[in-house]
Amino acid sequence: MPAATTEPTDTARISAQIRVLRIVALVSLALFLACDVVLATAQDVTTLALGASIAAMLFFLVMLYALVRWAYLHSRLHEARVDAELDAAEREQD
């Protein structure tokens, strides 16, 4: 029975983490594209282009991490909702 009382808070916590990861992924995508624009407009290899290249790689890795973590949490959220529905159906039968 204690697991049933913690499920709504788990669902809320997972939903909040998904929202944060979605924002992180979008910000990383925007910064990645900005770095790519800097690289495309750079006339020669300078420290600015080198910095933009390194930053683009970092933002891409952050974006990739956020998307993988988002997919994992999305599956956990689905699992928590199914468990809550099954518990509710079980309680109705009792």
PDB file of N, CA and C in Angstrom:
ATOM      1  N   MET A   1       0.802  -1.206   0.000  1.00  0.00           N
ATOM      2  CA  MET A   1       0.000   0.000   0.000  1.00  0.00           C
ATOM      3  C   MET A   1       0.844   1.268   0.000  1.00  0.00           C
ATOM      4  N   PRO A   2       1.982   1.332   0.674  1.00  0.00           N
ATOM      5  CA  PRO A   2       2.771   2.551   0.625  1.00  0.00           C
ATOM      6  C   PRO A   2       3.255   2.887  -0.778  1.00  0.00           C
ATOM      7  N   ALA A   3       3.459   1.883  -1.641  1.00  0.00           N
ATOM      8  CA  ALA A   3       3.907   2.161  -3.000  1.00  0.00           C
ATOM      9  C   ALA A   3       2.854   2.951  -3.771  1.00  0.00           C
ATOM     10  N   ALA A   4       1.588   2.710  -3.491  1.00  0.00           N
ATOM     11  CA  ALA A   4       0.517   3.414  -4.186  1.00  0.00           C
ATOM     12  C   ALA A   4       0.493   4.888  -3.809  1.00  0.00           C
ATOM     13  N   THR A   5       0.895   5.225  -2.597  1.00  0.00           N
ATOM     14  CA  THR A   5       0.883   6.632  -2.209  1.00  0.00           C
ATOM     15  C   THR A   5       2.068   7.392  -2.778  1.00  0.00           C
ATOM     16  N   THR A   6       3.151   6.703  -3.104  1.00  0.00           N
ATOM     17  CA  THR A   6       4.316   7.404  -3.647  1.00  0.00           C
ATOM     18  C   THR A   6       4.261   7.519  -5.164  1.00  0.00           C
ATOM     19  N   GLU A   7       3.394   6.766  -5.839  1.00  0.00           N
ATOM     20  CA  GLU A   7       3.346   6.794  -7.299  1.00  0.00           C
ATOM     21  C   GLU A   7       2.975   8.158  -7.868  1.00  0.00           C
ATOM     22  N   PRO A   8       1.976   8.876  -7.319  1.00  0.00           N
ATOM     23  CA  PRO A   8       1.689  10.201  -7.875  1.00  0.00           C
ATOM     24  C   PRO A   8       2.882  11.151  -7.751  1.00  0.00           C
ATOM     25  N   THR A   9       3.629  11.074  -6.662  1.00  0.00           N
ATOM     26  CA  THR A   9       4.789  11.948  -6.534  1.00  0.00           C
ATOM     27  C   THR A   9       5.890  11.514  -7.495  1.00  0.00           C
ATOM     28  N   ASP A  10       6.036  10.194  -7.723  1.00  0.00           N
ATOM     29  CA  ASP A  10       7.009   9.725  -8.708  1.00  0.00           C
ATOM     30  C   ASP A  10       6.632  10.204 -10.100  1.00  0.00           C
ATOM     31  N   THR A  11       5.350  10.120 -10.427  1.00  0.00           N
ATOM     32  CA  THR A  11       4.887  10.571 -11.737  1.00  0.00           C
ATOM     33  C   THR A  11       5.118  12.064 -11.901  1.00  0.00           C
ATOM     34  N   ALA A  12       4.843  12.829 -10.871  1.00  0.00           N
ATOM     35  CA  ALA A  12       5.062  14.277 -10.943  1.00  0.00           C
ATOM     36  C   ALA A  12       6.549  14.606 -11.066  1.00  0.00           C
ATOM     37  N   ARG A  13       7.376  13.872 -10.334  1.00  0.00           N
ATOM     38  CA  ARG A  13       8.820  14.112 -10.397  1.00  0.00           C
ATOM     39  C   ARG A  13       9.370  13.766 -11.781  1.00  0.00           C
ATOM     40  N   ILE A  14       8.916  12.644 -12.328  1.00  0.00           N
ATOM     41  CA  ILE A  14       9.374  12.241 -13.659  1.00  0.00           C
ATOM     42  C   ILE A  14       8.899  13.239 -14.708  1.00  0.00           C
ATOM     43  N   SER A  15       7.667  13.708 -14.583  1.00  0.00           N
ATOM     44  CA  SER A  15       7.137  14.701 -15.530  1.00  0.00           C
ATOM     45  C   SER A  15       7.944  15.992 -15.472  1.00  0.00           C
ATOM     46  N   ALA A  16       8.321  16.412 -14.268  1.00  0.00           N
ATOM     47  CA  ALA A  16       9.133  17.625 -14.129  1.00  0.00           C
ATOM     48  C   ALA A  16      10.516  17.432 -14.761  1.00  0.00           C
ATOM     49  N   GLN A  17      11.106  16.263 -14.560  1.00  0.00           N
ATOM     50  CA  GLN A  17      12.410  15.991 -15.172  1.00  0.00           C
ATOM     51  C   GLN A  17      12.313  15.969 -16.687  1.00  0.00           C
ATOM     52  N   ILE A  18      11.220  15.443 -17.216  1.00  0.00           N
ATOM     53  CA  ILE A  18      11.033  15.425 -18.670  1.00  0.00           C
ATOM     54  C   ILE A  18      10.930  16.839 -19.211  1.00  0.00           C
ATOM     55  N   ARG A  19      10.198  17.715 -18.506  1.00  0.00           N
ATOM     56  CA  ARG A  19      10.097  19.114 -18.956  1.00  0.00           C
ATOM     57  C   ARG A  19      11.460  19.792 -18.955  1.00  0.00           C
ATOM     58  N   VAL A  20      12.246  19.555 -17.918  1.00  0.00           N
ATOM     59  CA  VAL A  20      13.582  20.160 -17.845  1.00  0.00           C
ATOM     60  C   VAL A  20      14.469  19.639 -18.976  1.00  0.00           C
ATOM     61  N   LEU A  21      14.421  18.342 -19.220  1.00  0.00           N
ATOM     62  CA  LEU A  21      15.243  17.762 -20.284  1.00  0.00           C
ATOM     63  C   LEU A  21      14.816  18.270 -21.656  1.00  0.00           C
ATOM     64  N   ARG A  22      13.539  18.496 -21.846  1.00  0.00           N
ATOM     65  CA  ARG A  22      13.059  19.046 -23.115  1.00  0.00           C
ATOM     66  C   ARG A  22      13.629  20.447 -23.326  1.00  0.00           C
ATOM     67  N   ILE A  23      13.647  21.249 -22.277  1.00  0.00           N
ATOM     68  CA  ILE A  23      14.204  22.602 -22.371  1.00  0.00           C
ATOM     69  C   ILE A  23      15.702  22.538 -22.634  1.00  0.00           C
ATOM     70  N   VAL A  24      16.401  21.650 -21.926  1.00  0.00           N
ATOM     71  CA  VAL A  24      17.845  21.497 -22.124  1.00  0.00           C
ATOM     72  C   VAL A  24      18.149  21.087 -23.563  1.00  0.00           C
ATOM     73  N   ALA A  25      17.368  20.168 -24.100  1.00  0.00           N
ATOM     74  CA  ALA A  25      17.593  19.711 -25.477  1.00  0.00           C
ATOM     75  C   ALA A  25      17.359  20.840 -26.471  1.00  0.00           C
ATOM     76  N   LEU A  26      16.316  21.636 -26.260  1.00  0.00           N
ATOM     77  CA  LEU A  26      16.042  22.740 -27.177  1.00  0.00           C
ATOM     78  C   LEU A  26      17.103  23.825 -27.107  1.00  0.00           C
ATOM     79  N   VAL A  27      17.553  24.157 -25.901  1.00  0.00           N
ATOM     80  CA  VAL A  27      18.605  25.156 -25.749  1.00  0.00           C
ATOM     81  C   VAL A  27      19.910  24.655 -26.367  1.00  0.00           C
ATOM     82  N   SER A  28      20.223  23.391 -26.157  1.00  0.00           N
ATOM     83  CA  SER A  28      21.434  22.819 -26.747  1.00  0.00           C
ATOM     84  C   SER A  28      21.355  22.822 -28.268  1.00  0.00           C
ATOM     85  N   LEU A  29      20.188  22.525 -28.801  1.00  0.00           N
ATOM     86  CA  LEU A  29      20.018  22.558 -30.250  1.00  0.00           C
ATOM     87  C   LEU A  29      20.230  23.962 -30.793  1.00  0.00           C
ATOM     88  N   ALA A  30      19.651  24.963 -30.111  1.00  0.00           N
ATOM     89  CA  ALA A  30      19.818  26.349 -30.558  1.00  0.00           C
ATOM     90  C   ALA A  30      21.283  26.773 -30.504  1.00  0.00           C
ATOM     91  N   LEU A  31      21.969  26.430 -29.428  1.00  0.00           N
ATOM     92  CA  LEU A  31      23.383  26.792 -29.311  1.00  0.00           C
ATOM     93  C   LEU A  31      24.241  26.020 -30.309  1.00  0.00           C
ATOM     94  N   PHE A  32      23.905  24.769 -30.565  1.00  0.00           N
ATOM     95  CA  PHE A  32      24.608  23.973 -31.567  1.00  0.00           C
ATOM     96  C   PHE A  32      24.472  24.614 -32.942  1.00  0.00           C
ATOM     97  N   LEU A  33      23.254  25.033 -33.288  1.00  0.00           N
ATOM     98  CA  LEU A  33      23.041  25.686 -34.580  1.00  0.00           C
ATOM     99  C   LEU A  33      23.756  27.031 -34.658  1.00  0.00           C
ATOM    100  N   ALA A  34      23.787  27.768 -33.558  1.00  0.00           N
ATOM    101  CA  ALA A  34      24.509  29.042 -33.542  1.00  0.00           C
ATOM    102  C   ALA A  34      26.002  28.820 -33.774  1.00  0.00           C
ATOM    103  N   CYS A  35      26.551  27.785 -33.157  1.00  0.00           N
ATOM    104  CA  CYS A  35      27.966  27.477 -33.370  1.00  0.00           C
ATOM    105  C   CYS A  35      28.223  27.052 -34.817  1.00  0.00           C
ATOM    106  N   ASP A  36      27.273  26.338 -35.396  1.00  0.00           N
ATOM    107  CA  ASP A  36      27.427  25.950 -36.794  1.00  0.00           C
ATOM    108  C   ASP A  36      27.385  27.162 -37.725  1.00  0.00           C
ATOM    109  N   VAL A  37      26.557  28.130 -37.402  1.00  0.00           N
ATOM    110  CA  VAL A  37      26.512  29.358 -38.201  1.00  0.00           C
ATOM    111  C   VAL A  37      27.844  30.091 -38.104  1.00  0.00           C
ATOM    112  N   VAL A  38      28.403  30.152 -36.911  1.00  0.00           N
ATOM    113  CA  VAL A  38      29.713  30.789 -36.734  1.00  0.00           C
ATOM    114  C   VAL A  38      30.758  30.055 -37.564  1.00  0.00           C
ATOM    115  N   LEU A  39      30.718  28.743 -37.548  1.00  0.00           N
ATOM    116  CA  LEU A  39      31.673  27.958 -38.331  1.00  0.00           C
ATOM    117  C   LEU A  39      31.486  28.178 -39.830  1.00  0.00           C
ATOM    118  N   ALA A  40      30.235  28.274 -40.270  1.00  0.00           N
ATOM    119  CA  ALA A  40      29.966  28.455 -41.697  1.00  0.00           C
ATOM    120  C   ALA A  40      30.372  29.828 -42.186  1.00  0.00           C
ATOM    121  N   THR A  41      30.291  30.830 -41.327  1.00  0.00           N
ATOM    122  CA  THR A  41      30.624  32.185 -41.748  1.00  0.00           C
ATOM    123  C   THR A  41      32.084  32.542 -41.510  1.00  0.00           C
ATOM    124  N   ALA A  42      32.804  31.687 -40.813  1.00  0.00           N
ATOM    125  CA  ALA A  42      34.222  31.969 -40.561  1.00  0.00           C
ATOM    126  C   ALA A  42      34.997  31.838 -41.873  1.00  0.00           C
ATOM    127  N   GLN A  43      35.800  32.848 -42.180  1.00  0.00           N
ATOM    128  CA  GLN A  43      36.553  32.859 -43.433  1.00  0.00           C
ATOM    129  C   GLN A  43      37.796  31.978 -43.364  1.00  0.00           C
ATOM    130  N   ASP A  44      38.403  31.913 -42.226  1.00  0.00           N
ATOM    131  CA  ASP A  44      39.599  31.098 -42.073  1.00  0.00           C
ATOM    132  C   ASP A  44      39.584  30.455 -40.681  1.00  0.00           C
ATOM    133  N   VAL A  45      40.533  29.594 -40.455  1.00  0.00           N
ATOM    134  CA  VAL A  45      40.600  28.905 -39.164  1.00  0.00           C
ATOM    135  C   VAL A  45      41.217  29.855 -38.146  1.00  0.00           C
ATOM    136  N   THR A  46      40.388  30.292 -37.239  1.00  0.00           N
ATOM    137  CA  THR A  46      40.842  31.188 -36.173  1.00  0.00           C
ATOM    138  C   THR A  46      40.483  30.556 -34.837  1.00  0.00           C
ATOM    139  N   THR A  47      40.844  31.242 -33.789  1.00  0.00           N
ATOM    140  CA  THR A  47      40.487  30.734 -32.474  1.00  0.00           C
ATOM    141  C   THR A  47      38.976  30.769 -32.271  1.00  0.00           C
ATOM    142  N   LEU A  48      38.296  31.731 -32.939  1.00  0.00           N
ATOM    143  CA  LEU A  48      36.839  31.780 -32.855  1.00  0.00           C
ATOM    144  C   LEU A  48      36.224  30.536 -33.494  1.00  0.00           C
ATOM    145  N   ALA A  49      36.725  30.158 -34.655  1.00  0.00           N
ATOM    146  CA  ALA A  49      36.209  28.964 -35.330  1.00  0.00           C
ATOM    147  C   ALA A  49      36.536  27.702 -34.533  1.00  0.00           C
ATOM    148  N   LEU A  50      37.715  27.649 -33.963  1.00  0.00           N
ATOM    149  CA  LEU A  50      38.090  26.498 -33.146  1.00  0.00           C
ATOM    150  C   LEU A  50      37.203  26.398 -31.910  1.00  0.00           C
ATOM    151  N   GLY A  51      36.973  27.524 -31.267  1.00  0.00           N
ATOM    152  CA  GLY A  51      36.091  27.542 -30.090  1.00  0.00           C
ATOM    153  C   GLY A  51      34.666  27.168 -30.448  1.00  0.00           C
ATOM    154  N   ALA A  52      34.187  27.661 -31.593  1.00  0.00           N
ATOM    155  CA  ALA A  52      32.836  27.321 -32.030  1.00  0.00           C
ATOM    156  C   ALA A  52      32.723  25.833 -32.348  1.00  0.00           C
ATOM    157  N   SER A  53      33.782  25.265 -32.909  1.00  0.00           N
ATOM    158  CA  SER A  53      33.773  23.837 -33.220  1.00  0.00           C
ATOM    159  C   SER A  53      33.708  22.998 -31.939  1.00  0.00           C
ATOM    160  N   ILE A  54      34.512  23.347 -30.973  1.00  0.00           N
ATOM    161  CA  ILE A  54      34.509  22.618 -29.698  1.00  0.00           C
ATOM    162  C   ILE A  54      33.171  22.803 -28.978  1.00  0.00           C
ATOM    163  N   ALA A  55      32.657  24.016 -28.987  1.00  0.00           N
ATOM    164  CA  ALA A  55      31.367  24.275 -28.338  1.00  0.00           C
ATOM    165  C   ALA A  55      30.246  23.501 -29.041  1.00  0.00           C
ATOM    166  N   ALA A  56      30.294  23.439 -30.367  1.00  0.00           N
ATOM    167  CA  ALA A  56      29.264  22.701 -31.102  1.00  0.00           C
ATOM    168  C   ALA A  56      29.282  21.226 -30.725  1.00  0.00           C
ATOM    169  N   MET A  57      30.471  20.667 -30.591  1.00  0.00           N
ATOM    170  CA  MET A  57      30.561  19.259 -30.186  1.00  0.00           C
ATOM    171  C   MET A  57      29.995  19.051 -28.781  1.00  0.00           C
ATOM    172  N   LEU A  58      30.306  19.961 -27.873  1.00  0.00           N
ATOM    173  CA  LEU A  58      29.792  19.839 -26.499  1.00  0.00           C
ATOM    174  C   LEU A  58      28.278  19.976 -26.454  1.00  0.00           C
ATOM    175  N   PHE A  59      27.740  20.961 -27.178  1.00  0.00           N
ATOM    176  CA  PHE A  59      26.290  21.142 -27.196  1.00  0.00           C
ATOM    177  C   PHE A  59      25.592  19.948 -27.837  1.00  0.00           C
ATOM    178  N   PHE A  60      26.228  19.344 -28.854  1.00  0.00           N
ATOM    179  CA  PHE A  60      25.649  18.158 -29.470  1.00  0.00           C
ATOM    180  C   PHE A  60      25.604  16.999 -28.472  1.00  0.00           C
ATOM    181  N   LEU A  61      26.677  16.828 -27.702  1.00  0.00           N
ATOM    182  CA  LEU A  61      26.697  15.751 -26.707  1.00  0.00           C
ATOM    183  C   LEU A  61      25.660  15.981 -25.612  1.00  0.00           C
ATOM    184  N   VAL A  62      25.497  17.221 -25.183  1.00  0.00           N
ATOM    185  CA  VAL A  62      24.481  17.541 -24.173  1.00  0.00           C
ATOM    186  C   VAL A  62      23.089  17.262 -24.733  1.00  0.00           C
ATOM    187  N   MET A  63      22.871  17.650 -25.981  1.00  0.00           N
ATOM    188  CA  MET A  63      21.580  17.412 -26.610  1.00  0.00           C
ATOM    189  C   MET A  63      21.317  15.910 -26.742  1.00  0.00           C
ATOM    190  N   LEU A  64      22.315  15.158 -27.128  1.00  0.00           N
ATOM    191  CA  LEU A  64      22.167  13.712 -27.259  1.00  0.00           C
ATOM    192  C   LEU A  64      21.861  13.073 -25.907  1.00  0.00           C
ATOM    193  N   TYR A  65      22.571  13.491 -24.863  1.00  0.00           N
ATOM    194  CA  TYR A  65      22.303  12.974 -23.517  1.00  0.00           C
ATOM    195  C   TYR A  65      20.868  13.300 -23.098  1.00  0.00           C
ATOM    196  N   ALA A  66      20.439  14.533 -23.338  1.00  0.00           N
ATOM    197  CA  ALA A  66      19.091  14.935 -22.929  1.00  0.00           C
ATOM    198  C   ALA A  66      18.031  14.117 -23.663  1.00  0.00           C
ATOM    199  N   LEU A  67      18.242  13.839 -24.932  1.00  0.00           N
ATOM    200  CA  LEU A  67      17.255  13.062 -25.683  1.00  0.00           C
ATOM    201  C   LEU A  67      17.202  11.607 -25.226  1.00  0.00           C
ATOM    202  N   VAL A  68      18.360  11.015 -24.941  1.00  0.00           N
ATOM    203  CA  VAL A  68      18.378   9.634 -24.455  1.00  0.00           C
ATOM    204  C   VAL A  68      17.736   9.555 -23.070  1.00  0.00           C
ATOM    205  N   ARG A  69      18.079  10.490 -22.210  1.00  0.00           N
ATOM    206  CA  ARG A  69      17.501  10.515 -20.859  1.00  0.00           C
ATOM    207  C   ARG A  69      15.995  10.766 -20.920  1.00  0.00           C
ATOM    208  N   TRP A  70      15.562  11.645 -21.851  1.00  0.00           N
ATOM    209  CA  TRP A  70      14.147  11.920 -22.032  1.00  0.00           C
ATOM    210  C   TRP A  70      13.407  10.645 -22.426  1.00  0.00           C
ATOM    211  N   ALA A  71      13.971   9.874 -23.350  1.00  0.00           N
ATOM    212  CA  ALA A  71      13.330   8.628 -23.779  1.00  0.00           C
ATOM    213  C   ALA A  71      13.227   7.640 -22.617  1.00  0.00           C
ATOM    214  N   TYR A  72      14.275   7.553 -21.817  1.00  0.00           N
ATOM    215  CA  TYR A  72      14.252   6.652 -20.654  1.00  0.00           C
ATOM    216  C   TYR A  72      13.180   7.082 -19.655  1.00  0.00           C
ATOM    217  N   LEU A  73      13.145   8.370 -19.340  1.00  0.00           N
ATOM    218  CA  LEU A  73      12.156   8.850 -18.373  1.00  0.00           C
ATOM    219  C   LEU A  73      10.737   8.736 -18.915  1.00  0.00           C
ATOM    220  N   HIS A  74      10.586   8.900 -20.217  1.00  0.00           N
ATOM    221  CA  HIS A  74       9.269   8.755 -20.822  1.00  0.00           C
ATOM    222  C   HIS A  74       8.757   7.325 -20.655  1.00  0.00           C
ATOM    223  N   SER A  75       9.646   6.355 -20.821  1.00  0.00           N
ATOM    224  CA  SER A  75       9.234   4.958 -20.613  1.00  0.00           C
ATOM    225  C   SER A  75       8.928   4.692 -19.143  1.00  0.00           C
ATOM    226  N   ARG A  76       9.707   5.296 -18.235  1.00  0.00           N
ATOM    227  CA  ARG A  76       9.430   5.146 -16.796  1.00  0.00           C
ATOM    228  C   ARG A  76       8.092   5.772 -16.424  1.00  0.00           C
ATOM    229  N   LEU A  77       7.777   6.926 -17.030  1.00  0.00           N
ATOM    230  CA  LEU A  77       6.505   7.583 -16.769  1.00  0.00           C
ATOM    231  C   LEU A  77       5.350   6.710 -17.244  1.00  0.00           C
ATOM    232  N   HIS A  78       5.487   6.131 -18.409  1.00  0.00           N
ATOM    233  CA  HIS A  78       4.450   5.241 -18.924  1.00  0.00           C
ATOM    234  C   HIS A  78       4.267   4.033 -17.995  1.00  0.00           C
ATOM    235  N   GLU A  79       5.384   3.490 -17.535  1.00  0.00           N
ATOM    236  CA  GLU A  79       5.339   2.347 -16.615  1.00  0.00           C
ATOM    237  C   GLU A  79       4.640   2.718 -15.312  1.00  0.00           C
ATOM    238  N   ALA A  80       4.943   3.904 -14.785  1.00  0.00           N
ATOM    239  CA  ALA A  80       4.323   4.341 -13.526  1.00  0.00           C
ATOM    240  C   ALA A  80       2.823   4.542 -13.702  1.00  0.00           C
ATOM    241  N   ARG A  81       2.419   5.075 -14.852  1.00  0.00           N
ATOM    242  CA  ARG A  81       0.981   5.274 -15.087  1.00  0.00           C
ATOM    243  C   ARG A  81       0.252   3.942 -15.224  1.00  0.00           C
ATOM    244  N   VAL A  82       0.861   2.996 -15.928  1.00  0.00           N
ATOM    245  CA  VAL A  82       0.235   1.675 -16.072  1.00  0.00           C
ATOM    246  C   VAL A  82       0.132   0.996 -14.708  1.00  0.00           C
ATOM    247  N   ASP A  83       1.187   1.092 -13.893  1.00  0.00           N
ATOM    248  CA  ASP A  83       1.139   0.508 -12.556  1.00  0.00           C
ATOM    249  C   ASP A  83       0.036   1.139 -11.708  1.00  0.00           C
ATOM    250  N   ALA A  84      -0.126   2.446 -11.816  1.00  0.00           N
ATOM    251  CA  ALA A  84      -1.164   3.124 -11.051  1.00  0.00           C
ATOM    252  C   ALA A  84      -2.547   2.685 -11.506  1.00  0.00           C
ATOM    253  N   GLU A  85      -2.721   2.519 -12.814  1.00  0.00           N
ATOM    254  CA  GLU A  85      -4.016   2.055 -13.315  1.00  0.00           C
ATOM    255  C   GLU A  85      -4.309   0.632 -12.852  1.00  0.00           C
ATOM    256  N   LEU A  86      -3.298  -0.224 -12.875  1.00  0.00           N
ATOM    257  CA  LEU A  86      -3.489  -1.601 -12.414  1.00  0.00           C
ATOM    258  C   LEU A  86      -3.799  -1.653 -10.922  1.00  0.00           C
ATOM    259  N   ASP A  87      -3.125  -0.828 -10.139  1.00  0.00           N
ATOM    260  CA  ASP A  87      -3.409  -0.781  -8.700  1.00  0.00           C
ATOM    261  C   ASP A  87      -4.824  -0.284  -8.435  1.00  0.00           C
ATOM    262  N   ALA A  88      -5.259   0.722  -9.202  1.00  0.00           N
ATOM    263  CA  ALA A  88      -6.613   1.241  -9.026  1.00  0.00           C
ATOM    264  C   ALA A  88      -7.647   0.182  -9.402  1.00  0.00           C
ATOM    265  N   ALA A  89      -7.391  -0.552 -10.474  1.00  0.00           N
ATOM    266  CA  ALA A  89      -8.322  -1.613 -10.881  1.00  0.00           C
ATOM    267  C   ALA A  89      -8.348  -2.732  -9.844  1.00  0.00           C
ATOM    268  N   GLU A  90      -7.186  -3.029  -9.260  1.00  0.00           N
ATOM    269  CA  GLU A  90      -7.115  -4.065  -8.230  1.00  0.00           C
ATOM    270  C   GLU A  90      -7.874  -3.654  -6.980  1.00  0.00           C
ATOM    271  N   ARG A  91      -7.769  -2.369  -6.614  1.00  0.00           N
ATOM    272  CA  ARG A  91      -8.489  -1.879  -5.441  1.00  0.00           C
ATOM    273  C   ARG A  91      -9.997  -1.893  -5.666  1.00  0.00           C
ATOM    274  N   GLU A  92     -10.430  -1.639  -6.913  1.00  0.00           N
ATOM    275  CA  GLU A  92     -11.862  -1.660  -7.213  1.00  0.00           C
ATOM    276  C   GLU A  92     -12.423  -3.070  -7.097  1.00  0.00           C
ATOM    277  N   GLN A  93     -11.610  -4.060  -7.448  1.00  0.00           N
ATOM    278  CA  GLN A  93     -12.069  -5.449  -7.367  1.00  0.00           C
ATOM    279  C   GLN A  93     -12.177  -5.911  -5.922  1.00  0.00           C
ATOM    280  N   ASP A  94     -11.356  -5.354  -5.056  1.00  0.00           N
ATOM    281  CA  ASP A  94     -11.384  -5.758  -3.635  1.00  0.00           C
ATOM    282  C   ASP A  94     -12.494  -5.098  -2.929  1.00  0.00           C
TER     283      ASP A  94
END
